[in-house]
Every structure is written in structure tokens, then in C-alpha cells.
Amino acid sequence: RTQCREIGEKREAVQGVYEHNVKIVKDIFEEFRDYANALRDQCAKRATTKEETNRCEQGYAGFMKRVLTDYANDLEKESAERDSRLKFLDELEKKCQAASVKPAPSVSGGGKGLKTIKVIRYQSKFLPVESLHKFTGTAKEECDAEEHWHANAGVVRATDGTMAPDPGGCGYGKTKGNPAIDLE
């Protein structure tokens, strides 16, 4: 349960680091741009001929081209690092979910050979109890210290085959108000 959830948290952290690093790169670029603009303006003020003014503009253009190239390369590097980390986390998440989610049982009723399983009802779905655990938080925290349902691995495959992510907090509801029932 917590391993799959931690992967999601790490994904958010990777995205947060990426956004932070992109902001730093952008801030540095803007500082260089402002610096280059100031140098160009100083150069243009001192220029006494058209040729000197052109050299100021050419120097500015060359400097800005290098700065823009470095800026683009830095952004590409940050993006590639983020994409690589997210791809790795995606693979981990697939393995985590595959290992923790059992195939959905058949729920067509009345036939011989069908087994009965324990489920809870959650948002018009049936969640197998074998993929859940009961949890009791402290009094002021989760569900006023009452026992409630959570996914073993952060997500549960409902009997209809859909996935039901653990909502956190009080999970899938208090066990007292949402008891396990038999489903054939």
C-alpha cells in the first residue's frame, strides 16, 4: 500500500524539482539578458560612429546567441533528467500495482463453481476485502479513531475490473458503516 503511494509522492517531488530547476535556469537567463542589455546600452552610448554602434549590436547578438543556446541546452537537460526519472517511476509503479492487485473475480450470480468472496461496497463498486486492510487512526486524526478500510497497495481492482485508488483520510469508509459482505 505505502510503496505504491510513495511512488506517486516521488513523482510529484520529481516534477517539483524540475519546475524549481527550470525557474532557476530562467532566472539566470533573465539576469544574463538584463546584463547584456545594459552592456549594449553602455556600448551604444559610448559609440561615436555607426561602425562602433554596429559592433555593439554584433557583440550583443553573439553574446545573446550563446546565452540562448546555453538556456535551451539547460532546459533540455532538465527535461531529459525529469523524463528519465518519471519513466523509472512509471515502471516501478506498474510493477507495484501488478504485484498488489489480484485479478477481478467473476460476479455473475447463481452458477455452480463460483466462489464466494468478501467485499465492501464503495461508490457503486465492490472491492475485495483481500485487497484491503483495516486501520484505526488517533482520535483527532483519521475518522475520529474509528476503524476504517484502506487499500493494501494504494489501489484496489474492483470486481468490475476498474481500479479504485485509496482516497486517503478515512479510506473507503468506516468498517462499522461499511461492513464486509459475501458476494458470489
N, C-alpha and C. Protein backbone atom coordinates (compact mmCIF):
# COMPACT_ATOMS: atom_id res chain seq x y z
N ARG A 1 0.83 -1.19 0.00
CA ARG A 1 0.00 0.00 0.00
C ARG A 1 0.87 1.25 0.00
N THR A 2 1.74 1.35 0.98
CA THR A 2 2.53 2.58 1.09
C THR A 2 3.56 2.69 -0.02
N GLN A 3 4.06 1.55 -0.52
CA GLN A 3 5.07 1.62 -1.58
C GLN A 3 4.51 2.26 -2.83
N CYS A 4 3.32 1.86 -3.25
CA CYS A 4 2.70 2.46 -4.44
C CYS A 4 2.41 3.94 -4.21
N ARG A 5 1.94 4.28 -3.03
CA ARG A 5 1.65 5.68 -2.72
C ARG A 5 2.95 6.50 -2.72
N GLU A 6 4.03 5.92 -2.18
CA GLU A 6 5.32 6.62 -2.16
C GLU A 6 5.82 6.90 -3.57
N ILE A 7 5.54 6.01 -4.50
CA ILE A 7 5.95 6.24 -5.88
C ILE A 7 5.25 7.48 -6.42
N GLY A 8 3.96 7.62 -6.14
CA GLY A 8 3.22 8.81 -6.56
C GLY A 8 3.79 10.07 -5.93
N GLU A 9 4.16 9.98 -4.65
CA GLU A 9 4.75 11.13 -3.97
C GLU A 9 6.10 11.48 -4.59
N LYS A 10 6.88 10.46 -4.95
CA LYS A 10 8.17 10.71 -5.59
C LYS A 10 7.98 11.35 -6.95
N ARG A 11 6.94 10.92 -7.67
CA ARG A 11 6.65 11.52 -8.98
C ARG A 11 6.38 13.02 -8.81
N GLU A 12 5.58 13.37 -7.80
CA GLU A 12 5.30 14.78 -7.53
C GLU A 12 6.57 15.53 -7.16
N ALA A 13 7.44 14.88 -6.37
CA ALA A 13 8.70 15.51 -5.98
C ALA A 13 9.59 15.75 -7.20
N VAL A 14 9.66 14.76 -8.10
CA VAL A 14 10.47 14.91 -9.31
C VAL A 14 9.96 16.09 -10.12
N GLN A 15 8.65 16.19 -10.28
CA GLN A 15 8.07 17.31 -11.03
C GLN A 15 8.36 18.63 -10.33
N GLY A 16 8.27 18.63 -9.00
CA GLY A 16 8.56 19.85 -8.24
C GLY A 16 10.01 20.30 -8.39
N VAL A 17 10.94 19.34 -8.35
CA VAL A 17 12.36 19.66 -8.54
C VAL A 17 12.58 20.21 -9.95
N TYR A 18 11.95 19.58 -10.93
CA TYR A 18 12.07 20.04 -12.32
C TYR A 18 11.59 21.49 -12.44
N GLU A 19 10.41 21.77 -11.91
CA GLU A 19 9.87 23.13 -12.01
C GLU A 19 10.76 24.13 -11.29
N HIS A 20 11.32 23.74 -10.14
CA HIS A 20 12.23 24.60 -9.40
C HIS A 20 13.49 24.87 -10.23
N ASN A 21 14.08 23.82 -10.81
CA ASN A 21 15.30 23.97 -11.60
C ASN A 21 15.05 24.80 -12.85
N VAL A 22 13.91 24.61 -13.49
CA VAL A 22 13.57 25.40 -14.68
C VAL A 22 13.45 26.88 -14.29
N LYS A 23 12.86 27.15 -13.13
CA LYS A 23 12.75 28.54 -12.67
C LYS A 23 14.13 29.13 -12.45
N ILE A 24 15.05 28.37 -11.86
CA ILE A 24 16.42 28.86 -11.64
C ILE A 24 17.08 29.16 -12.98
N VAL A 25 16.98 28.22 -13.93
CA VAL A 25 17.57 28.43 -15.26
C VAL A 25 16.98 29.67 -15.91
N LYS A 26 15.67 29.84 -15.80
CA LYS A 26 15.00 31.01 -16.39
C LYS A 26 15.48 32.29 -15.72
N ASP A 27 15.59 32.27 -14.38
CA ASP A 27 16.06 33.45 -13.66
C ASP A 27 17.48 33.82 -14.07
N ILE A 28 18.34 32.81 -14.21
CA ILE A 28 19.72 33.07 -14.64
C ILE A 28 19.73 33.66 -16.05
N PHE A 29 18.92 33.09 -16.94
CA PHE A 29 18.84 33.62 -18.30
C PHE A 29 18.41 35.09 -18.28
N GLU A 30 17.40 35.39 -17.48
CA GLU A 30 16.91 36.77 -17.42
C GLU A 30 17.96 37.72 -16.87
N GLU A 31 18.76 37.24 -15.89
CA GLU A 31 19.85 38.07 -15.37
C GLU A 31 20.89 38.33 -16.46
N PHE A 32 21.27 37.29 -17.21
CA PHE A 32 22.22 37.47 -18.31
C PHE A 32 21.65 38.41 -19.37
N ARG A 33 20.38 38.26 -19.69
CA ARG A 33 19.75 39.12 -20.69
C ARG A 33 19.77 40.58 -20.24
N ASP A 34 19.42 40.81 -18.97
CA ASP A 34 19.44 42.18 -18.45
C ASP A 34 20.86 42.75 -18.45
N TYR A 35 21.83 41.91 -18.07
CA TYR A 35 23.23 42.32 -18.08
C TYR A 35 23.67 42.67 -19.50
N ALA A 36 23.31 41.81 -20.47
CA ALA A 36 23.68 42.05 -21.86
C ALA A 36 23.02 43.32 -22.39
N ASN A 37 21.78 43.55 -22.03
CA ASN A 37 21.10 44.78 -22.45
C ASN A 37 21.80 46.02 -21.89
N ALA A 38 22.21 45.95 -20.63
CA ALA A 38 22.91 47.08 -20.01
C ALA A 38 24.25 47.33 -20.70
N LEU A 39 24.99 46.26 -20.98
CA LEU A 39 26.27 46.41 -21.68
C LEU A 39 26.07 47.01 -23.08
N ARG A 40 25.06 46.52 -23.78
CA ARG A 40 24.78 47.04 -25.13
C ARG A 40 24.44 48.53 -25.06
N ASP A 41 23.62 48.90 -24.08
CA ASP A 41 23.24 50.31 -23.94
C ASP A 41 24.45 51.18 -23.61
N GLN A 42 25.33 50.70 -22.71
CA GLN A 42 26.54 51.45 -22.38
C GLN A 42 27.43 51.59 -23.60
N CYS A 43 27.59 50.49 -24.32
CA CYS A 43 28.42 50.49 -25.51
C CYS A 43 27.86 51.48 -26.54
N ALA A 44 26.55 51.45 -26.74
CA ALA A 44 25.92 52.33 -27.72
C ALA A 44 26.06 53.81 -27.32
N LYS A 45 26.03 54.11 -26.02
CA LYS A 45 26.20 55.49 -25.56
C LYS A 45 27.60 56.00 -25.85
N ARG A 46 28.59 55.10 -25.73
CA ARG A 46 29.98 55.49 -25.96
C ARG A 46 30.35 55.52 -27.44
N ALA A 47 29.57 54.82 -28.24
CA ALA A 47 29.89 54.73 -29.67
C ALA A 47 29.78 56.10 -30.32
N THR A 48 30.77 56.40 -31.12
CA THR A 48 30.76 57.70 -31.80
C THR A 48 30.53 57.56 -33.29
N THR A 49 30.66 56.33 -33.78
CA THR A 49 30.44 56.11 -35.22
C THR A 49 29.42 55.00 -35.40
N LYS A 50 28.90 54.93 -36.61
CA LYS A 50 27.95 53.87 -36.96
C LYS A 50 28.63 52.51 -36.83
N GLU A 51 29.90 52.43 -37.19
CA GLU A 51 30.66 51.18 -37.11
C GLU A 51 30.76 50.69 -35.66
N GLU A 52 31.02 51.60 -34.73
CA GLU A 52 31.10 51.22 -33.32
C GLU A 52 29.72 50.77 -32.81
N THR A 53 28.68 51.45 -33.24
CA THR A 53 27.32 51.05 -32.86
C THR A 53 27.01 49.65 -33.39
N ASN A 54 27.40 49.37 -34.63
CA ASN A 54 27.19 48.03 -35.21
C ASN A 54 27.96 46.97 -34.43
N ARG A 55 29.19 47.30 -34.00
CA ARG A 55 29.97 46.33 -33.21
C ARG A 55 29.28 46.05 -31.88
N CYS A 56 28.69 47.08 -31.28
CA CYS A 56 27.94 46.88 -30.03
C CYS A 56 26.78 45.90 -30.27
N GLU A 57 26.05 46.11 -31.34
CA GLU A 57 24.91 45.24 -31.66
C GLU A 57 25.38 43.82 -31.98
N GLN A 58 26.49 43.70 -32.72
CA GLN A 58 27.01 42.37 -33.06
C GLN A 58 27.50 41.64 -31.81
N GLY A 59 28.17 42.37 -30.93
CA GLY A 59 28.63 41.76 -29.67
C GLY A 59 27.45 41.30 -28.83
N TYR A 60 26.44 42.14 -28.77
CA TYR A 60 25.22 41.79 -28.04
C TYR A 60 24.57 40.55 -28.66
N ALA A 61 24.43 40.55 -29.98
CA ALA A 61 23.79 39.42 -30.67
C ALA A 61 24.58 38.13 -30.44
N GLY A 62 25.90 38.19 -30.52
CA GLY A 62 26.72 37.00 -30.30
C GLY A 62 26.60 36.49 -28.87
N PHE A 63 26.64 37.43 -27.92
CA PHE A 63 26.52 37.05 -26.52
C PHE A 63 25.15 36.43 -26.25
N MET A 64 24.09 37.05 -26.75
CA MET A 64 22.74 36.53 -26.52
C MET A 64 22.54 35.18 -27.20
N LYS A 65 23.17 34.98 -28.35
CA LYS A 65 23.07 33.68 -29.02
C LYS A 65 23.66 32.59 -28.13
N ARG A 66 24.84 32.87 -27.53
CA ARG A 66 25.46 31.89 -26.62
C ARG A 66 24.58 31.66 -25.39
N VAL A 67 24.04 32.75 -24.84
CA VAL A 67 23.18 32.63 -23.66
C VAL A 67 21.93 31.82 -23.99
N LEU A 68 21.30 32.12 -25.12
CA LEU A 68 20.10 31.38 -25.52
C LEU A 68 20.40 29.91 -25.78
N THR A 69 21.55 29.63 -26.39
CA THR A 69 21.95 28.24 -26.63
C THR A 69 22.14 27.52 -25.31
N ASP A 70 22.85 28.16 -24.38
CA ASP A 70 23.04 27.55 -23.05
C ASP A 70 21.71 27.36 -22.34
N TYR A 71 20.83 28.34 -22.46
CA TYR A 71 19.50 28.26 -21.84
C TYR A 71 18.72 27.07 -22.40
N ALA A 72 18.70 26.94 -23.71
CA ALA A 72 17.99 25.83 -24.35
C ALA A 72 18.60 24.49 -23.94
N ASN A 73 19.94 24.42 -23.91
CA ASN A 73 20.61 23.17 -23.50
C ASN A 73 20.30 22.82 -22.06
N ASP A 74 20.29 23.82 -21.18
CA ASP A 74 19.98 23.56 -19.77
C ASP A 74 18.55 23.08 -19.60
N LEU A 75 17.62 23.71 -20.32
CA LEU A 75 16.22 23.27 -20.24
C LEU A 75 16.06 21.85 -20.78
N GLU A 76 16.76 21.55 -21.87
CA GLU A 76 16.69 20.20 -22.45
C GLU A 76 17.26 19.17 -21.48
N LYS A 77 18.36 19.52 -20.81
CA LYS A 77 18.97 18.62 -19.83
C LYS A 77 18.01 18.37 -18.66
N GLU A 78 17.40 19.44 -18.14
CA GLU A 78 16.45 19.29 -17.03
C GLU A 78 15.26 18.43 -17.45
N SER A 79 14.77 18.65 -18.65
CA SER A 79 13.63 17.89 -19.16
C SER A 79 13.99 16.42 -19.33
N ALA A 80 15.18 16.15 -19.86
CA ALA A 80 15.62 14.76 -20.06
C ALA A 80 15.79 14.05 -18.72
N GLU A 81 16.35 14.75 -17.72
CA GLU A 81 16.51 14.14 -16.39
C GLU A 81 15.15 13.84 -15.78
N ARG A 82 14.22 14.79 -15.90
CA ARG A 82 12.87 14.56 -15.36
C ARG A 82 12.21 13.39 -16.06
N ASP A 83 12.27 13.36 -17.39
CA ASP A 83 11.63 12.29 -18.15
C ASP A 83 12.22 10.93 -17.79
N SER A 84 13.53 10.88 -17.60
CA SER A 84 14.19 9.63 -17.23
C SER A 84 13.71 9.16 -15.85
N ARG A 85 13.64 10.08 -14.90
CA ARG A 85 13.18 9.72 -13.56
C ARG A 85 11.71 9.29 -13.57
N LEU A 86 10.88 10.01 -14.33
CA LEU A 86 9.47 9.65 -14.40
C LEU A 86 9.27 8.30 -15.08
N LYS A 87 10.06 8.01 -16.10
CA LYS A 87 9.96 6.71 -16.77
C LYS A 87 10.30 5.59 -15.79
N PHE A 88 11.36 5.80 -15.00
CA PHE A 88 11.76 4.82 -13.99
C PHE A 88 10.63 4.63 -12.97
N LEU A 89 10.04 5.73 -12.49
CA LEU A 89 8.95 5.63 -11.52
C LEU A 89 7.72 4.97 -12.14
N ASP A 90 7.45 5.23 -13.42
CA ASP A 90 6.33 4.58 -14.10
C ASP A 90 6.51 3.06 -14.10
N GLU A 91 7.72 2.61 -14.40
CA GLU A 91 8.00 1.17 -14.40
C GLU A 91 7.82 0.59 -13.01
N LEU A 92 8.32 1.28 -12.00
CA LEU A 92 8.15 0.81 -10.61
C LEU A 92 6.68 0.74 -10.25
N GLU A 93 5.93 1.76 -10.64
CA GLU A 93 4.51 1.80 -10.30
C GLU A 93 3.75 0.65 -10.97
N LYS A 94 4.07 0.36 -12.23
CA LYS A 94 3.43 -0.76 -12.92
C LYS A 94 3.70 -2.06 -12.19
N LYS A 95 4.96 -2.27 -11.79
CA LYS A 95 5.32 -3.50 -11.07
C LYS A 95 4.63 -3.54 -9.72
N CYS A 96 4.58 -2.42 -9.04
CA CYS A 96 3.96 -2.35 -7.72
C CYS A 96 2.48 -2.69 -7.82
N GLN A 97 1.80 -2.09 -8.78
CA GLN A 97 0.37 -2.33 -8.93
C GLN A 97 0.10 -3.76 -9.38
N ALA A 98 0.91 -4.27 -10.30
CA ALA A 98 0.71 -5.63 -10.78
C ALA A 98 0.91 -6.64 -9.65
N ALA A 99 1.86 -6.37 -8.78
CA ALA A 99 2.15 -7.29 -7.68
C ALA A 99 1.09 -7.23 -6.59
N SER A 100 0.42 -6.09 -6.48
CA SER A 100 -0.51 -5.92 -5.36
C SER A 100 -1.97 -6.10 -5.72
N VAL A 101 -2.28 -6.14 -6.99
CA VAL A 101 -3.67 -6.24 -7.41
C VAL A 101 -3.91 -7.60 -8.03
N LYS A 102 -4.84 -8.34 -7.46
CA LYS A 102 -5.18 -9.66 -7.97
C LYS A 102 -6.26 -9.51 -9.04
N PRO A 103 -6.38 -10.48 -9.95
CA PRO A 103 -7.41 -10.39 -10.98
C PRO A 103 -8.80 -10.31 -10.37
N ALA A 104 -9.69 -9.63 -11.05
CA ALA A 104 -11.05 -9.46 -10.56
C ALA A 104 -11.80 -10.78 -10.63
N PRO A 105 -12.50 -11.15 -9.56
CA PRO A 105 -13.28 -12.39 -9.58
C PRO A 105 -14.55 -12.22 -10.41
N SER A 106 -15.11 -13.32 -10.84
CA SER A 106 -16.37 -13.29 -11.58
C SER A 106 -17.49 -12.98 -10.61
N VAL A 107 -18.43 -12.15 -11.05
CA VAL A 107 -19.54 -11.81 -10.16
C VAL A 107 -20.89 -12.16 -10.75
N SER A 108 -20.91 -12.89 -11.86
CA SER A 108 -22.21 -13.29 -12.40
C SER A 108 -22.81 -14.29 -11.44
N GLY A 109 -24.04 -14.08 -11.04
CA GLY A 109 -24.62 -14.83 -9.93
C GLY A 109 -25.22 -16.16 -10.31
N GLY A 110 -25.40 -17.00 -9.29
CA GLY A 110 -26.21 -18.20 -9.39
C GLY A 110 -25.57 -19.44 -9.95
N GLY A 111 -24.46 -19.38 -10.62
CA GLY A 111 -23.91 -20.56 -11.26
C GLY A 111 -23.12 -21.43 -10.31
N LYS A 112 -23.01 -22.72 -10.67
CA LYS A 112 -22.19 -23.62 -9.86
C LYS A 112 -20.73 -23.33 -10.15
N GLY A 113 -19.88 -23.60 -9.20
CA GLY A 113 -18.45 -23.43 -9.37
C GLY A 113 -17.96 -22.02 -9.06
N LEU A 114 -18.87 -21.10 -8.83
CA LEU A 114 -18.45 -19.75 -8.47
C LEU A 114 -18.14 -19.72 -6.99
N LYS A 115 -17.08 -19.02 -6.65
CA LYS A 115 -16.74 -18.93 -5.23
C LYS A 115 -17.32 -17.65 -4.64
N THR A 116 -17.50 -17.67 -3.36
CA THR A 116 -17.99 -16.51 -2.64
C THR A 116 -16.79 -15.76 -2.09
N ILE A 117 -16.80 -14.45 -2.28
CA ILE A 117 -15.71 -13.63 -1.73
C ILE A 117 -16.30 -12.55 -0.85
N LYS A 118 -15.49 -12.06 0.07
CA LYS A 118 -15.87 -10.95 0.94
C LYS A 118 -15.52 -9.66 0.21
N VAL A 119 -16.47 -8.73 0.18
CA VAL A 119 -16.27 -7.44 -0.47
C VAL A 119 -16.86 -6.34 0.40
N ILE A 120 -16.47 -5.11 0.09
CA ILE A 120 -17.17 -3.95 0.64
C ILE A 120 -17.70 -3.16 -0.55
N ARG A 121 -18.74 -2.41 -0.29
CA ARG A 121 -19.33 -1.56 -1.34
C ARG A 121 -18.68 -0.18 -1.23
N TYR A 122 -18.22 0.35 -2.37
CA TYR A 122 -17.62 1.68 -2.39
C TYR A 122 -17.97 2.35 -3.72
N GLN A 123 -18.70 3.44 -3.66
CA GLN A 123 -19.10 4.20 -4.85
C GLN A 123 -19.66 3.28 -5.95
N SER A 124 -20.63 2.50 -5.64
CA SER A 124 -21.31 1.56 -6.56
C SER A 124 -20.38 0.48 -7.11
N LYS A 125 -19.29 0.24 -6.45
CA LYS A 125 -18.37 -0.84 -6.83
C LYS A 125 -18.25 -1.81 -5.66
N PHE A 126 -17.75 -2.99 -5.96
CA PHE A 126 -17.44 -3.97 -4.92
C PHE A 126 -15.94 -4.15 -4.89
N LEU A 127 -15.33 -3.92 -3.71
CA LEU A 127 -13.89 -4.05 -3.53
C LEU A 127 -13.60 -5.29 -2.70
N PRO A 128 -12.77 -6.22 -3.22
CA PRO A 128 -12.45 -7.44 -2.47
C PRO A 128 -11.72 -7.11 -1.16
N VAL A 129 -12.20 -7.69 -0.08
CA VAL A 129 -11.60 -7.45 1.24
C VAL A 129 -10.16 -7.94 1.28
N GLU A 130 -9.82 -8.97 0.48
CA GLU A 130 -8.45 -9.49 0.47
C GLU A 130 -7.44 -8.44 -0.03
N SER A 131 -7.92 -7.40 -0.71
CA SER A 131 -7.05 -6.32 -1.18
C SER A 131 -7.08 -5.11 -0.26
N LEU A 132 -7.74 -5.27 0.89
CA LEU A 132 -7.91 -4.16 1.84
C LEU A 132 -7.36 -4.54 3.20
N HIS A 133 -7.17 -3.54 4.03
CA HIS A 133 -6.87 -3.78 5.45
C HIS A 133 -7.63 -2.74 6.27
N LYS A 134 -7.80 -3.08 7.54
CA LYS A 134 -8.49 -2.18 8.46
C LYS A 134 -7.44 -1.34 9.18
N PHE A 135 -7.78 -0.07 9.43
CA PHE A 135 -6.85 0.83 10.08
C PHE A 135 -7.62 1.72 11.05
N THR A 136 -6.99 2.00 12.19
CA THR A 136 -7.58 2.92 13.16
C THR A 136 -6.56 4.00 13.46
N GLY A 137 -6.90 5.26 13.18
CA GLY A 137 -6.02 6.39 13.47
C GLY A 137 -6.22 6.88 14.88
N THR A 138 -5.50 7.93 15.24
CA THR A 138 -5.66 8.52 16.56
C THR A 138 -6.92 9.38 16.59
N ALA A 139 -7.36 9.71 17.78
CA ALA A 139 -8.66 10.35 17.99
C ALA A 139 -8.90 11.60 17.13
N LYS A 140 -7.98 12.51 17.07
CA LYS A 140 -8.21 13.78 16.36
C LYS A 140 -7.83 13.66 14.88
N GLU A 141 -7.26 12.53 14.50
CA GLU A 141 -6.83 12.39 13.11
C GLU A 141 -7.90 11.72 12.28
N GLU A 142 -7.57 10.56 11.76
CA GLU A 142 -8.43 9.90 10.80
C GLU A 142 -9.67 9.29 11.43
N CYS A 143 -10.82 9.68 10.97
CA CYS A 143 -12.12 9.06 11.30
C CYS A 143 -12.41 9.01 12.79
N ASP A 144 -11.93 9.96 13.54
CA ASP A 144 -12.21 10.02 14.98
C ASP A 144 -11.88 8.72 15.69
N ALA A 145 -10.75 8.15 15.38
CA ALA A 145 -10.23 6.93 16.00
C ALA A 145 -11.12 5.72 15.75
N GLU A 146 -11.92 5.74 14.70
CA GLU A 146 -12.74 4.58 14.35
C GLU A 146 -12.06 3.80 13.24
N GLU A 147 -12.24 2.49 13.28
CA GLU A 147 -11.64 1.60 12.29
C GLU A 147 -12.24 1.87 10.90
N HIS A 148 -11.36 1.89 9.88
CA HIS A 148 -11.82 2.14 8.52
C HIS A 148 -10.97 1.34 7.53
N TRP A 149 -11.42 1.31 6.27
CA TRP A 149 -10.81 0.49 5.23
C TRP A 149 -9.78 1.28 4.41
N HIS A 150 -8.65 0.63 4.10
CA HIS A 150 -7.64 1.19 3.19
C HIS A 150 -7.15 0.09 2.26
N ALA A 151 -6.65 0.49 1.09
CA ALA A 151 -6.08 -0.46 0.13
C ALA A 151 -4.74 -0.97 0.66
N ASN A 152 -4.45 -2.25 0.41
CA ASN A 152 -3.16 -2.81 0.81
C ASN A 152 -2.02 -2.17 0.04
N ALA A 153 -2.28 -1.78 -1.21
CA ALA A 153 -1.20 -1.28 -2.06
C ALA A 153 -1.54 0.04 -2.73
N GLY A 154 -2.35 0.87 -2.11
CA GLY A 154 -2.65 2.18 -2.67
C GLY A 154 -3.74 2.20 -3.71
N VAL A 155 -4.09 1.02 -4.24
CA VAL A 155 -5.14 0.92 -5.25
C VAL A 155 -5.73 -0.48 -5.17
N VAL A 156 -7.02 -0.60 -5.48
CA VAL A 156 -7.71 -1.90 -5.45
C VAL A 156 -8.42 -2.09 -6.78
N ARG A 157 -8.36 -3.32 -7.30
CA ARG A 157 -9.13 -3.63 -8.51
C ARG A 157 -10.51 -4.09 -8.05
N ALA A 158 -11.52 -3.34 -8.46
CA ALA A 158 -12.91 -3.68 -8.11
C ALA A 158 -13.33 -4.93 -8.89
N THR A 159 -14.44 -5.53 -8.47
CA THR A 159 -14.90 -6.76 -9.14
C THR A 159 -15.30 -6.52 -10.59
N ASP A 160 -15.56 -5.27 -10.96
CA ASP A 160 -15.88 -4.97 -12.36
C ASP A 160 -14.63 -4.73 -13.20
N GLY A 161 -13.45 -4.87 -12.57
CA GLY A 161 -12.19 -4.72 -13.28
C GLY A 161 -11.61 -3.32 -13.25
N THR A 162 -12.35 -2.34 -12.76
CA THR A 162 -11.83 -0.97 -12.69
C THR A 162 -10.95 -0.82 -11.46
N MET A 163 -10.13 0.22 -11.49
CA MET A 163 -9.23 0.48 -10.37
C MET A 163 -9.85 1.54 -9.46
N ALA A 164 -9.70 1.34 -8.15
CA ALA A 164 -10.21 2.29 -7.16
C ALA A 164 -9.04 2.72 -6.28
N PRO A 165 -8.41 3.87 -6.59
CA PRO A 165 -7.29 4.34 -5.77
C PRO A 165 -7.74 4.63 -4.34
N ASP A 166 -6.86 4.35 -3.39
CA ASP A 166 -7.16 4.65 -2.00
C ASP A 166 -7.31 6.16 -1.86
N PRO A 167 -8.45 6.65 -1.35
CA PRO A 167 -8.65 8.09 -1.27
C PRO A 167 -7.91 8.76 -0.11
N GLY A 168 -7.22 7.99 0.74
CA GLY A 168 -6.56 8.57 1.90
C GLY A 168 -7.58 8.92 2.96
N GLY A 169 -7.18 9.66 3.98
CA GLY A 169 -8.10 10.06 5.05
C GLY A 169 -8.81 8.87 5.65
N CYS A 170 -10.12 8.82 5.51
CA CYS A 170 -10.92 7.71 6.04
C CYS A 170 -11.01 6.56 5.05
N GLY A 171 -10.17 6.56 4.05
CA GLY A 171 -10.12 5.44 3.10
C GLY A 171 -11.44 5.21 2.42
N TYR A 172 -11.85 3.94 2.36
CA TYR A 172 -13.10 3.56 1.69
C TYR A 172 -14.28 3.56 2.65
N GLY A 173 -14.11 4.16 3.82
CA GLY A 173 -15.20 4.28 4.78
C GLY A 173 -14.93 3.51 6.06
N LYS A 174 -15.70 3.84 7.07
CA LYS A 174 -15.57 3.17 8.37
C LYS A 174 -16.10 1.75 8.27
N THR A 175 -15.43 0.83 8.92
CA THR A 175 -15.85 -0.58 8.86
C THR A 175 -17.23 -0.76 9.48
N LYS A 176 -17.55 0.05 10.49
CA LYS A 176 -18.85 -0.06 11.15
C LYS A 176 -19.98 0.29 10.18
N GLY A 177 -19.77 1.32 9.37
CA GLY A 177 -20.81 1.75 8.44
C GLY A 177 -20.73 1.08 7.08
N ASN A 178 -19.65 0.36 6.82
CA ASN A 178 -19.46 -0.29 5.53
C ASN A 178 -18.84 -1.68 5.76
N PRO A 179 -19.62 -2.60 6.34
CA PRO A 179 -19.07 -3.91 6.68
C PRO A 179 -18.84 -4.78 5.44
N ALA A 180 -17.99 -5.78 5.60
CA ALA A 180 -17.75 -6.74 4.52
C ALA A 180 -19.00 -7.58 4.32
N ILE A 181 -19.30 -7.88 3.05
CA ILE A 181 -20.44 -8.73 2.71
C ILE A 181 -19.96 -9.84 1.80
N ASP A 182 -20.73 -10.91 1.70
CA ASP A 182 -20.40 -12.02 0.81
C ASP A 182 -20.94 -11.72 -0.58
N LEU A 183 -20.11 -12.00 -1.60
CA LEU A 183 -20.52 -11.82 -2.99
C LEU A 183 -20.14 -13.07 -3.75
N GLU A 184 -21.09 -13.62 -4.48
CA GLU A 184 -20.82 -14.84 -5.25
C GLU A 184 -20.44 -14.46 -6.65
